[in-house]
Amino acid sequence: MKVLVAVKRVVDYNVKVRVKSDNTGVDTANVKMSMNPFDEIAIEEAVRLKEKGVASEIIAVSCGVTQCQETLRTAMAIGADRAILVETSEELQPLAVAKLLKALVDKEQPGLIILGKQAIDDDCNQTGQMLAALADLPQVAFASKLEVADGKATVSREIDGGSETLSVTLPAVVTADLRLNEPRYVTLPNIMKAKKKPMEVLKPEDLGVDVSPRIKTLKVNEPPKRSAGVKVPDVATLVSKLKNEAKVI
């Protein structure tokens, strides 16, 4: 069974992002970039399935600029067998990525597609769901446990009231939550091996997909600075401040 895993290049989660002076977006110049943490979990889960003998091949896919090759090399160092980069300088929104992935699903015919539940840069949490709708595949979002056997995937996921377990027929789309696993440390020998693994570079036109943005960002602002908290001597003062200063009661 082939497993296709989508990975995204994002600003590293340790970096404090800055808004551009003209408020057109986030400043990414000279900023450390890395693989989206949820996508790292997705790759790790695919590798574990291969180690169990469930998966035969893992294909890592990324959509974006040329530098996404670094992210794909990391995915192959974790354990992916080969990679596909859909290279474009266009701003890619979730629908465009879902369409590109759908075209690759049609081409590769994987038995399972795993994505991170969301990217930490735009926090959209839409691509997996859109892909499942476009490809007409069953889906389970926010997976915290995944088991594959007898042509079915059994997935546990957290919901507001606790947890639920769903069974879906393969092929299917699964989006990974933080509790699914803990990604392994990438070793130097595996990084060297990843350099020799095949990577195919395509353009959106090769897949017949229009990636023009459907949504326009008008302005990006930093959140307002939070004022320091104050200590109050008693409940009466607290109620007074909530009523007269904060005006929340």
Protein backbone atom coordinates (compact mmCIF):
# COMPACT_ATOMS: atom_id res chain seq x y z
CA MET A 1 0.00 0.00 0.00
CA LYS A 2 1.26 3.46 -0.93
CA VAL A 3 0.96 6.21 1.66
CA LEU A 4 1.00 9.82 0.46
CA VAL A 5 1.96 12.45 3.04
CA ALA A 6 1.68 16.21 2.47
CA VAL A 7 4.26 18.44 4.18
CA LYS A 8 4.49 22.21 4.33
CA ARG A 9 7.43 24.59 4.80
CA VAL A 10 6.57 27.12 7.51
CA VAL A 11 8.30 29.61 9.80
CA ASP A 12 9.92 27.57 12.59
CA TYR A 13 7.73 27.36 15.69
CA ASN A 14 10.54 28.78 17.88
CA VAL A 15 10.72 32.00 15.84
CA LYS A 16 8.86 35.10 17.03
CA VAL A 17 7.16 36.32 13.86
CA ARG A 18 7.18 39.98 12.86
CA VAL A 19 4.66 41.83 10.73
CA LYS A 20 6.04 43.74 7.72
CA SER A 21 6.19 47.51 8.09
CA ASP A 22 3.65 47.96 5.29
CA ASN A 23 1.21 45.50 6.96
CA THR A 24 1.02 43.27 3.86
CA GLY A 25 1.99 40.09 5.70
CA VAL A 26 4.56 38.38 7.92
CA ASP A 27 8.26 39.07 7.41
CA THR A 28 9.99 35.83 6.34
CA ALA A 29 13.31 37.36 5.20
CA ASN A 30 16.27 35.66 6.93
CA VAL A 31 13.87 33.72 9.16
CA LYS A 32 14.46 30.06 10.03
CA MET A 33 12.00 27.80 8.19
CA SER A 34 11.17 24.18 8.99
CA MET A 35 8.58 21.48 8.44
CA ASN A 36 5.14 22.11 9.89
CA PRO A 37 5.08 20.15 13.22
CA PHE A 38 1.76 18.43 12.44
CA ASP A 39 3.17 17.27 9.08
CA GLU A 40 6.21 15.87 10.87
CA ILE A 41 3.81 13.75 12.93
CA ALA A 42 2.07 12.65 9.72
CA ILE A 43 5.39 11.49 8.19
CA GLU A 44 6.33 9.68 11.39
CA GLU A 45 3.02 7.81 11.39
CA ALA A 46 3.52 6.74 7.77
CA VAL A 47 7.02 5.45 8.60
CA ARG A 48 5.62 3.48 11.55
CA LEU A 49 3.03 1.90 9.24
CA LYS A 50 5.86 0.88 6.90
CA GLU A 51 7.84 -0.57 9.78
CA LYS A 52 4.79 -2.68 10.71
CA GLY A 53 4.65 -3.99 7.15
CA VAL A 54 1.35 -2.23 6.39
CA ALA A 55 2.77 0.36 3.95
CA SER A 56 5.07 -0.51 1.05
CA GLU A 57 6.00 3.01 -0.11
CA ILE A 58 5.83 6.50 1.38
CA ILE A 59 5.59 9.50 -0.93
CA ALA A 60 6.17 12.96 0.58
CA VAL A 61 4.56 15.86 -1.27
CA SER A 62 5.03 19.59 -0.86
CA CYS A 63 3.64 22.56 -2.77
CA GLY A 64 5.42 25.90 -2.93
CA VAL A 65 8.74 27.57 -3.66
CA THR A 66 12.02 25.84 -4.61
CA GLN A 67 13.20 25.87 -0.98
CA CYS A 68 10.47 23.35 -0.14
CA GLN A 69 12.99 20.77 -1.40
CA GLU A 70 14.73 21.12 1.98
CA THR A 71 11.49 20.19 3.76
CA LEU A 72 11.05 17.18 1.47
CA ARG A 73 14.65 16.07 2.16
CA THR A 74 13.82 16.18 5.88
CA ALA A 75 10.73 14.04 5.21
CA MET A 76 12.90 11.53 3.34
CA ALA A 77 15.44 11.58 6.19
CA ILE A 78 12.62 10.61 8.56
CA GLY A 79 11.73 7.72 6.26
CA ALA A 80 9.82 8.71 3.12
CA ASP A 81 10.94 6.76 0.02
CA ARG A 82 10.57 9.51 -2.57
CA ALA A 83 9.26 13.04 -2.91
CA ILE A 84 7.22 15.22 -5.24
CA LEU A 85 7.49 19.01 -5.25
CA VAL A 86 4.81 21.04 -7.01
CA GLU A 87 6.87 24.17 -7.54
CA THR A 88 5.21 27.58 -7.77
CA SER A 89 5.90 31.09 -6.52
CA GLU A 90 2.15 31.83 -6.26
CA GLU A 91 0.59 32.30 -2.84
CA LEU A 92 -1.02 28.91 -2.22
CA GLN A 93 -4.30 28.84 -0.34
CA PRO A 94 -5.90 25.65 1.08
CA LEU A 95 -8.22 25.08 -1.90
CA ALA A 96 -5.33 25.33 -4.38
CA VAL A 97 -3.23 22.89 -2.34
CA ALA A 98 -6.19 20.50 -2.06
CA LYS A 99 -6.62 20.58 -5.86
CA LEU A 100 -2.90 19.88 -6.41
CA LEU A 101 -3.00 17.00 -3.93
CA LYS A 102 -6.14 15.63 -5.59
CA ALA A 103 -4.33 15.57 -8.95
CA LEU A 104 -1.42 13.70 -7.32
CA VAL A 105 -3.80 11.25 -5.63
CA ASP A 106 -5.31 10.51 -9.05
CA LYS A 107 -1.81 10.00 -10.45
CA GLU A 108 -0.27 7.92 -7.63
CA GLN A 109 -3.39 6.07 -6.38
CA PRO A 110 -2.27 5.83 -2.72
CA GLY A 111 -4.16 3.63 -0.26
CA LEU A 112 -3.88 6.23 2.51
CA ILE A 113 -3.30 10.00 2.55
CA ILE A 114 -2.03 11.55 5.78
CA LEU A 115 -1.77 15.30 6.42
CA GLY A 116 -1.12 17.42 9.47
CA LYS A 117 -4.42 18.75 10.83
CA GLN A 118 -3.32 22.35 10.18
CA ALA A 119 -0.30 24.50 9.39
CA ILE A 120 1.07 26.72 12.14
CA ASP A 121 1.44 29.73 9.81
CA ASP A 122 -2.12 30.25 8.51
CA ASP A 123 -3.93 27.89 10.98
CA CYS A 124 -6.60 27.21 8.35
CA ASN A 125 -7.26 23.52 9.13
CA GLN A 126 -8.97 23.09 5.74
CA THR A 127 -6.72 21.27 3.27
CA GLY A 128 -7.39 17.71 4.44
CA GLN A 129 -11.14 18.20 4.47
CA MET A 130 -11.13 19.89 1.05
CA LEU A 131 -8.98 17.10 -0.41
CA ALA A 132 -11.37 14.43 0.88
CA ALA A 133 -14.33 16.28 -0.65
CA LEU A 134 -12.60 16.81 -4.03
CA ALA A 135 -11.38 13.20 -4.24
CA ASP A 136 -14.67 11.81 -2.84
CA LEU A 137 -12.81 9.86 -0.14
CA PRO A 138 -13.78 9.05 3.46
CA GLN A 139 -11.90 11.15 6.02
CA VAL A 140 -11.09 11.32 9.71
CA ALA A 141 -9.71 14.56 11.13
CA PHE A 142 -7.63 15.12 14.31
CA ALA A 143 -6.40 11.52 14.61
CA SER A 144 -4.76 10.60 17.93
CA LYS A 145 -4.41 6.87 17.11
CA LEU A 146 -4.32 5.07 13.76
CA GLU A 147 -4.46 1.37 12.95
CA VAL A 148 -4.68 -0.09 9.44
CA ALA A 149 -5.80 -3.67 8.71
CA ASP A 150 -7.96 -5.59 6.24
CA GLY A 151 -8.48 -2.63 3.92
CA LYS A 152 -9.77 -0.40 6.71
CA ALA A 153 -8.34 2.33 8.94
CA THR A 154 -9.48 2.50 12.56
CA VAL A 155 -8.91 5.99 13.90
CA SER A 156 -9.36 7.40 17.41
CA ARG A 157 -9.89 11.13 17.70
CA GLU A 158 -10.61 13.61 20.47
CA ILE A 159 -13.94 15.41 20.47
CA ASP A 160 -15.51 17.94 22.84
CA GLY A 161 -17.15 15.26 24.97
CA GLY A 162 -14.15 12.90 25.14
CA SER A 163 -13.03 10.63 22.31
CA GLU A 164 -14.51 8.57 19.50
CA THR A 165 -13.24 5.76 17.29
CA LEU A 166 -14.16 5.62 13.62
CA SER A 167 -13.56 2.97 10.99
CA VAL A 168 -13.18 4.03 7.35
CA THR A 169 -12.63 2.03 4.18
CA LEU A 170 -9.37 2.69 2.35
CA PRO A 171 -8.37 4.73 0.42
CA ALA A 172 -9.03 7.50 2.93
CA VAL A 173 -7.75 10.86 4.17
CA VAL A 174 -6.50 11.18 7.76
CA THR A 175 -5.29 14.40 9.43
CA ALA A 176 -2.85 14.06 12.33
CA ASP A 177 -3.20 15.63 15.77
CA LEU A 178 -0.36 16.21 18.24
CA ARG A 179 -1.16 13.09 20.29
CA LEU A 180 -0.79 10.70 17.35
CA ASN A 181 2.93 10.16 17.98
CA GLU A 182 6.26 11.83 18.75
CA PRO A 183 8.45 12.20 15.64
CA ARG A 184 11.87 10.56 15.76
CA TYR A 185 15.15 12.46 15.79
CA VAL A 186 16.65 12.73 12.31
CA THR A 187 20.12 11.18 12.25
CA LEU A 188 23.05 12.31 10.10
CA PRO A 189 23.29 8.99 8.17
CA ASN A 190 19.60 9.29 7.25
CA ILE A 191 20.11 12.89 6.13
CA MET A 192 22.91 11.69 3.83
CA LYS A 193 20.73 8.84 2.49
CA ALA A 194 17.89 11.31 1.83
CA LYS A 195 20.11 13.21 -0.63
CA LYS A 196 20.16 10.14 -2.90
CA LYS A 197 16.41 9.49 -2.81
CA PRO A 198 14.42 10.56 -5.90
CA MET A 199 12.57 13.86 -6.00
CA GLU A 200 10.21 14.76 -8.85
CA VAL A 201 9.57 18.45 -9.54
CA LEU A 202 6.29 19.41 -11.24
CA LYS A 203 4.48 22.64 -12.00
CA PRO A 204 0.77 23.24 -11.31
CA GLU A 205 0.24 23.43 -15.11
CA ASP A 206 1.60 19.86 -15.42
CA LEU A 207 -1.27 18.74 -13.21
CA GLY A 208 -3.83 20.97 -14.93
CA VAL A 209 -4.56 22.95 -11.77
CA ASP A 210 -5.26 26.68 -11.48
CA VAL A 211 -3.72 27.91 -8.21
CA SER A 212 -4.81 31.55 -8.47
CA PRO A 213 -5.69 32.92 -5.00
CA ARG A 214 -9.43 33.17 -4.26
CA ILE A 215 -8.99 35.23 -1.11
CA LYS A 216 -7.10 38.52 -0.79
CA THR A 217 -5.35 39.58 2.42
CA LEU A 218 -6.11 43.25 2.95
CA LYS A 219 -4.03 43.94 6.06
CA VAL A 220 -2.01 42.11 8.69
CA ASN A 221 -1.66 43.59 12.18
CA GLU A 222 0.04 42.40 15.34
CA PRO A 223 -2.33 41.70 18.25
CA PRO A 224 -2.65 44.60 20.70
CA LYS A 225 -0.15 44.68 23.54
CA ARG A 226 -1.55 43.19 26.73
CA SER A 227 -1.44 45.44 29.78
CA ALA A 228 0.05 44.14 33.02
CA GLY A 229 -2.24 42.56 35.59
CA VAL A 230 -2.90 44.14 38.98
CA LYS A 231 -3.50 42.69 42.42
CA VAL A 232 -6.65 43.65 44.27
CA PRO A 233 -7.07 43.59 48.07
CA ASP A 234 -10.58 42.13 48.15
CA VAL A 235 -13.54 40.85 46.12
CA ALA A 236 -15.36 44.19 46.29
CA THR A 237 -12.46 45.96 44.56
CA LEU A 238 -12.30 43.19 41.94
CA VAL A 239 -15.99 43.52 41.16
CA SER A 240 -15.66 47.31 40.99
CA LYS A 241 -12.75 47.09 38.52
CA LEU A 242 -14.54 44.52 36.36
CA LYS A 243 -17.61 46.73 36.27
CA ASN A 244 -16.13 50.22 35.93
CA GLU A 245 -12.75 49.71 34.22
CA ALA A 246 -12.96 46.47 32.23
CA LYS A 247 -16.74 46.91 31.73
CA VAL A 248 -17.28 43.15 31.45
CA ILE A 249 -20.09 42.98 33.99
